[in-house]
Amino acid sequence: MRLTTVIPYMKPTLIFTLLIISIASVAQAQRHSKLSGAAKICDQIATEFSLGSLRSYDSKHLINGRFKLLIEHSIYDTASGGKEFESRYFRSFSAFERWMKKEERQPGFPVRIGWPLTGCRNGRCTFFEDGGISHNHVYLKRIYYGYKNKRLYIKTIQLLYG
C-alpha cells in the first residue's frame, strides 16, 4: 500500500479528532474562566473582610436580593441554649459591616482574619484552615456563590468565631 492511498482515508478522521479536541478545549476554557473569576472576587472579598471595608462591593452588585451569613461558634454551651450555628440575612455589604461593628466588644475585637484562598469548586470557595484558631478572632471560612444571567452573586458567607 502506498502512502498516497492512505492519506485520503486519514483526512476525515484527522478533521473529526481535531474538531473534538477544539470543542473540549473551548469548554474547558469557559469553565476555567468562570472559576478564575469567582476565585478572584472571593479572594478580594477575603482581603476586604480582614480590613473591614466590604462596603465598596455594594456597587459591584454581587448580591441577588440578600445573602446568608452562617456563623459557626467554636465554643458553645448547649446546656444554656447555645447553638453551634447561627444565621442572619443581609441585603447589602454595608448592612453586614454595620452588624459586624455592633458585634465588636472593644474597638477592633474580634479581629477579622481572611485566610488565603485554597480553591473554588462547585459554587464554593474555601479558605485555608491551619487548624489553630485564637480567641476573639473571626475567620472567613467559606463563600458560596452562584451565577444568574451569567453574573456571579454571593449566596452565603460562612464565618468561624474563635
Foldseek 3Di string as FASTA:
>chain_A
DDPVVVVVVCVVVVVVVVVVVVVVVVVVVVVVVVFVVVLVVVQVCLVCQQVLHQQVCQVVVQADQKAKEKEAEPDFDVVVPTDRIDMDIDRGVVVVSVVVVVPAPDVCWLREHEADWPGDDDQKTAHDDPPDDDARYKYFGMWGWDADPNDIHTHYTYIYHD
